[in-house]
Protein backbone atom coordinates (compact mmCIF):
# COMPACT_ATOMS: atom_id res chain seq x y z
CA UNK A 1 29.05 143.43 115.33
CA UNK A 2 27.57 141.99 112.15
CA UNK A 3 25.61 138.73 111.89
CA UNK A 4 28.52 137.18 109.98
CA UNK A 5 30.93 138.09 112.77
CA UNK A 6 28.53 136.66 115.36
CA UNK A 7 28.34 133.35 113.47
CA UNK A 8 32.14 133.22 113.20
CA UNK A 9 32.38 133.85 116.96
CA UNK A 10 29.89 131.04 117.56
CA UNK A 11 31.90 128.60 115.45
CA UNK A 12 35.12 129.57 117.24
CA UNK A 13 33.48 129.22 120.66
CA UNK A 14 31.92 125.85 119.92
CA UNK A 15 35.03 124.40 118.33
CA UNK A 16 37.58 125.63 120.86
CA UNK A 17 35.62 125.45 124.13
CA UNK A 18 36.13 121.70 124.46
CA UNK A 19 39.36 121.20 122.57
CA UNK A 20 42.33 122.07 124.84
CA UNK A 21 43.34 125.08 122.75
CA UNK A 22 41.43 127.91 124.52
CA UNK A 23 38.23 129.49 123.24
CA UNK A 24 39.07 132.87 124.82
CA UNK A 25 42.43 132.95 123.05
CA UNK A 26 40.85 132.34 119.65
CA UNK A 27 38.04 134.83 120.33
CA UNK A 28 40.79 137.42 120.85
CA UNK A 29 43.29 136.33 118.21
CA UNK A 30 41.00 135.85 115.21
CA UNK A 31 39.19 139.22 115.62
CA UNK A 32 42.59 140.89 116.04
CA UNK A 33 43.83 139.33 112.78
CA UNK A 34 40.59 140.27 110.99
CA UNK A 35 40.63 143.83 112.33
CA UNK A 36 37.45 143.33 114.34
CA UNK A 37 36.95 144.60 117.87
CA UNK A 38 37.26 142.34 120.92
CA UNK A 39 33.78 140.80 121.51
CA UNK A 40 34.44 141.09 125.26
CA UNK A 41 34.36 138.78 128.26
CA UNK A 42 30.60 139.24 128.80
CA UNK A 43 29.74 138.22 125.22
CA UNK A 44 32.04 135.19 125.53
CA UNK A 45 30.44 134.13 128.83
CA UNK A 46 26.90 134.37 127.43
CA UNK A 47 27.49 132.45 124.18
CA UNK A 48 28.94 129.68 126.35
CA UNK A 49 25.28 128.84 127.05
CA UNK A 50 25.35 127.16 123.65
CA UNK A 51 28.25 124.91 124.56
CA UNK A 52 26.66 124.36 127.97
CA UNK A 53 23.52 123.01 126.30
CA UNK A 54 25.75 120.79 124.15
CA UNK A 55 27.21 119.24 127.32
CA UNK A 56 23.72 118.77 128.80
CA UNK A 57 22.51 116.99 125.67
CA UNK A 58 25.60 114.83 125.19
CA UNK A 59 25.84 113.78 128.85
CA UNK A 60 22.08 113.87 129.57
CA UNK A 61 21.99 110.34 130.98
CA UNK A 62 24.95 110.97 133.32
CA UNK A 63 23.67 114.37 134.43
CA UNK A 64 20.17 113.07 135.21
CA UNK A 65 21.64 110.19 137.24
CA UNK A 66 23.91 112.58 139.17
CA UNK A 67 21.09 115.04 139.91
CA UNK A 68 18.78 112.24 140.98
CA UNK A 69 21.47 110.85 143.26
CA UNK A 70 22.11 114.24 144.87
CA UNK A 71 18.40 114.97 145.38
CA UNK A 72 17.72 111.48 146.79
CA UNK A 73 20.66 111.91 149.15
CA UNK A 74 19.29 115.21 150.44
CA UNK A 75 15.83 113.67 150.95
CA UNK A 76 17.28 110.62 152.70
CA UNK A 77 19.72 112.78 154.70
CA UNK A 78 22.55 110.63 153.43
CA UNK A 79 24.41 112.83 150.95
CA UNK A 80 26.90 110.17 149.83
CA UNK A 81 24.50 107.24 149.54
CA UNK A 82 25.39 106.35 145.93
CA UNK A 83 28.24 106.74 143.42
CA UNK A 84 26.14 109.25 141.47
CA UNK A 85 25.57 111.35 144.59
CA UNK A 86 29.29 111.26 145.40
CA UNK A 87 30.11 112.38 141.85
CA UNK A 88 27.65 115.28 142.17
CA UNK A 89 29.22 116.53 145.39
CA UNK A 90 32.71 116.05 143.93
CA UNK A 91 31.74 118.31 141.03
CA UNK A 92 30.35 120.86 143.52
CA UNK A 93 33.57 120.79 145.56
CA UNK A 94 35.69 121.05 142.42
CA UNK A 95 33.74 124.15 141.34
CA UNK A 96 34.53 126.14 144.49
CA UNK A 97 38.08 127.27 143.52
CA UNK A 98 37.08 128.82 140.18
CA UNK A 99 34.06 130.58 141.73
CA UNK A 100 36.07 132.11 144.58
CA UNK A 101 39.01 133.19 142.41
CA UNK A 102 36.70 134.31 139.61
CA UNK A 103 34.92 136.72 141.94
CA UNK A 104 38.16 137.94 143.54
CA UNK A 105 39.91 138.69 140.24
CA UNK A 106 36.89 139.45 138.03
CA UNK A 107 38.09 142.92 137.03
CA UNK A 108 41.56 141.73 136.03
CA UNK A 109 40.15 138.77 134.09
CA UNK A 110 37.93 141.06 132.03
CA UNK A 111 40.58 143.74 131.39
CA UNK A 112 44.34 143.40 131.82
CA UNK A 113 44.45 139.59 131.54
CA UNK A 114 42.80 139.75 128.11
CA UNK A 115 46.07 141.16 126.78
CA UNK A 116 47.33 139.25 123.76
CA UNK A 117 50.73 139.00 125.47
CA UNK A 118 49.12 137.17 128.38
CA UNK A 119 47.25 134.91 125.96
CA UNK A 120 50.45 134.09 124.04
CA UNK A 121 52.25 133.21 127.28
CA UNK A 122 49.29 131.07 128.42
CA UNK A 123 49.14 129.20 125.13
CA UNK A 124 52.83 128.28 125.37
CA UNK A 125 52.91 127.74 129.14
CA UNK A 126 49.99 125.31 129.31
CA UNK A 127 51.33 123.40 126.29
CA UNK A 128 54.51 122.69 128.25
CA UNK A 129 52.59 121.67 131.39
CA UNK A 130 50.32 119.41 129.31
CA UNK A 131 53.42 117.88 127.74
CA UNK A 132 54.74 117.13 131.23
CA UNK A 133 51.42 115.49 132.14
CA UNK A 134 51.56 113.35 128.98
CA UNK A 135 55.09 112.20 129.80
CA UNK A 136 53.94 111.27 133.32
CA UNK A 137 50.99 109.35 131.83
CA UNK A 138 53.35 107.48 129.49
CA UNK A 139 55.62 106.61 132.40
CA UNK A 140 52.69 105.18 134.40
CA UNK A 141 51.63 103.03 131.43
CA UNK A 142 55.22 101.79 130.95
CA UNK A 143 55.38 100.84 134.64
CA UNK A 144 52.09 98.96 134.39
CA UNK A 145 50.16 101.35 136.64
CA UNK A 146 46.39 101.03 136.22
CA UNK A 147 44.93 104.35 135.03
CA UNK A 148 41.64 105.47 136.60
CA UNK A 149 38.26 105.29 134.91
CA UNK A 150 35.28 107.48 135.84
CA UNK A 151 34.16 105.25 138.71
CA UNK A 152 37.62 105.44 140.31
CA UNK A 153 37.79 109.25 140.61
CA UNK A 154 38.50 110.24 144.24
CA UNK A 155 37.81 113.38 146.28
CA UNK A 156 41.49 114.26 146.02
CA UNK A 157 41.31 113.92 142.22
CA UNK A 158 38.23 116.15 142.06
CA UNK A 159 39.83 118.86 144.18
CA UNK A 160 43.10 118.80 142.21
CA UNK A 161 41.20 119.06 138.92
CA UNK A 162 38.97 121.76 140.45
CA UNK A 163 42.03 123.82 141.40
CA UNK A 164 43.37 123.24 137.88
CA UNK A 165 40.10 124.57 136.46
CA UNK A 166 40.69 127.86 138.29
CA UNK A 167 43.77 128.40 136.10
CA UNK A 168 41.33 128.69 133.18
CA UNK A 169 40.43 132.16 134.48
CA UNK A 170 43.65 133.29 132.77
CA UNK A 171 42.69 133.86 129.12
CA UNK A 172 44.54 131.54 126.78
CA UNK A 173 44.91 128.70 129.25
CA UNK A 174 41.76 126.73 128.19
CA UNK A 175 39.24 125.31 130.64
CA UNK A 176 39.29 121.86 129.08
CA UNK A 177 43.07 122.07 128.67
CA UNK A 178 43.83 122.74 132.34
CA UNK A 179 41.28 120.26 133.66
CA UNK A 180 42.43 117.49 131.32
CA UNK A 181 45.99 118.27 132.39
CA UNK A 182 44.96 118.03 136.04
CA UNK A 183 43.24 114.73 135.30
CA UNK A 184 46.37 113.29 133.68
CA UNK A 185 48.48 114.37 136.65
CA UNK A 186 46.27 112.43 139.08
CA UNK A 187 46.30 109.30 136.91
CA UNK A 188 43.03 109.40 134.98
CA UNK A 189 42.82 108.02 131.47
CA UNK A 190 42.67 110.73 128.80
CA UNK A 191 39.02 109.99 128.01
CA UNK A 192 38.06 110.01 131.71
CA UNK A 193 39.92 113.29 132.24
CA UNK A 194 37.97 114.83 129.35
CA UNK A 195 34.60 113.48 130.55
CA UNK A 196 35.13 114.73 134.09
CA UNK A 197 36.34 118.05 132.65
CA UNK A 198 33.09 118.54 130.72
CA UNK A 199 30.89 117.65 133.69
CA UNK A 200 32.92 119.87 136.00
CA UNK A 201 32.44 122.83 133.65
CA UNK A 202 28.64 122.83 134.00
CA UNK A 203 28.14 124.75 137.30
CA UNK A 204 30.77 127.43 136.68
CA UNK A 205 29.84 128.08 133.04
CA UNK A 206 26.13 128.27 133.93
CA UNK A 207 26.81 130.66 136.83
CA UNK A 208 29.16 132.86 134.78
CA UNK A 209 26.73 133.07 131.87
CA UNK A 210 23.77 134.03 134.05
CA UNK A 211 25.86 136.55 136.00
CA UNK A 212 27.15 138.29 132.87
CA UNK A 213 23.77 138.23 131.13
CA UNK A 214 22.09 139.95 134.07
CA UNK A 215 24.90 142.43 134.72
CA UNK A 216 25.71 143.32 131.11
CA UNK A 217 22.25 142.84 129.58
CA UNK A 218 21.97 146.45 128.37
CA UNK A 219 25.37 146.34 126.67
CA UNK A 220 24.81 142.88 125.19
CA UNK A 221 21.39 143.81 123.78
CA UNK A 222 22.55 147.20 122.50
CA UNK A 223 22.99 148.06 118.83
CA UNK A 224 26.71 147.20 119.06
CA UNK A 225 25.92 143.52 119.74
CA UNK A 226 22.19 142.94 119.36
CA UNK A 227 19.86 140.13 120.39
CA UNK A 228 19.96 138.47 116.94
CA UNK A 229 23.76 138.33 116.92
CA UNK A 230 23.88 137.06 120.50
CA UNK A 231 21.30 134.34 119.74
CA UNK A 232 23.01 133.32 116.49
CA UNK A 233 26.42 133.01 118.14
CA UNK A 234 24.93 130.98 121.01
CA UNK A 235 23.04 128.55 118.75
CA UNK A 236 26.00 128.01 116.42
CA UNK A 237 28.35 127.48 119.38
CA UNK A 238 26.03 124.79 120.73
CA UNK A 239 25.85 122.85 117.45
CA UNK A 240 29.59 123.02 116.81
CA UNK A 241 30.31 122.33 120.49
CA UNK A 242 28.35 119.07 120.43
CA UNK A 243 30.38 117.88 117.44
CA UNK A 244 33.60 118.94 119.20
CA UNK A 245 32.73 116.87 122.30
CA UNK A 246 32.02 113.81 120.17
CA UNK A 247 35.27 114.26 118.26
CA UNK A 248 37.48 114.80 121.31
CA UNK A 249 36.18 111.85 123.34
CA UNK A 250 36.62 109.56 120.35
CA UNK A 251 40.05 110.98 119.58
CA UNK A 252 41.40 110.61 123.13
CA UNK A 253 40.45 106.92 123.27
CA UNK A 254 43.27 106.16 120.85
CA UNK A 255 45.49 109.23 120.77
CA UNK A 256 47.52 111.49 123.04
CA UNK A 257 47.10 115.27 123.32
CA UNK A 258 50.37 115.93 121.44
CA UNK A 259 48.44 117.36 118.49
CA UNK A 260 46.97 120.08 120.72
CA UNK A 261 50.31 120.66 122.47
CA UNK A 262 52.06 121.35 119.16
CA UNK A 263 49.17 123.53 117.99
CA UNK A 264 49.31 125.64 121.15
CA UNK A 265 53.08 126.07 120.87
CA UNK A 266 52.84 127.15 117.22
CA UNK A 267 49.92 129.55 117.77
CA UNK A 268 51.44 131.01 120.93
CA UNK A 269 54.84 131.54 119.31
CA UNK A 270 53.28 133.02 116.15
CA UNK A 271 51.11 135.39 118.17
CA UNK A 272 54.11 136.55 120.19
CA UNK A 273 56.08 137.06 116.97
CA UNK A 274 53.33 139.20 115.40
CA UNK A 275 52.94 141.22 118.60
CA UNK A 276 56.66 141.96 118.83
CA UNK A 277 56.76 142.96 115.15
CA UNK A 278 53.74 145.22 115.59
CA UNK A 279 51.67 143.30 113.02
CA UNK A 280 48.94 142.94 115.65
CA UNK A 281 48.21 145.75 118.08
């Protein structure tokens, strides 16, 4: 891996981690088109630290309030004493499905599921599910149903979105994509679905990054990758990721996710076409 490639990977990771178009898919597709080798699941998990920091910085006020609420609840022996404490435990509960399934299917996620055929199918499949969620959202608005803001998120909503997040273990599905989709299905506004999606990603992304860094540290710091390349990709992903968060939250206040649905359909269909023609191995 060259420094240029590492920077490109960082840009891709930062830009696509939060947009519902799948960072893993683009980290497989773009290297394949450029003739580069697959950077690997471990490299992808570690450079997510950059986007993780972006979430911490952007949502610092919310995260501090949630952590304070959880800690105060533990000290007072009243875990659900405040809305912030409840939100913290909801995020914890919503993280359980992806942790359990991630450990159970870790080998498949890192090998066979990184197939470009799987990624093409995921790109198209989630686009259709997201389209269904958008149509349901439109129907609710037409019927005058009040969509939920952040303070109206329930335990049921958190668990449904948490189970949706587990689908992101399939490369090409998109963590933000599946969680935003889950949020739309349970009646959240688009902006609320995105905000909850970003907060929900914190525990699982942090755990996955630490796990892969410890387990694959020799491979990641070897001459094939290198500490400089790993650091560069992580820093760039964080900077670009922060800008992507700001863009998406502003965009979803006034727009639907149709732009991302069409993009996923086009990219998924094009990838499948190139695979079937043998243009991409």
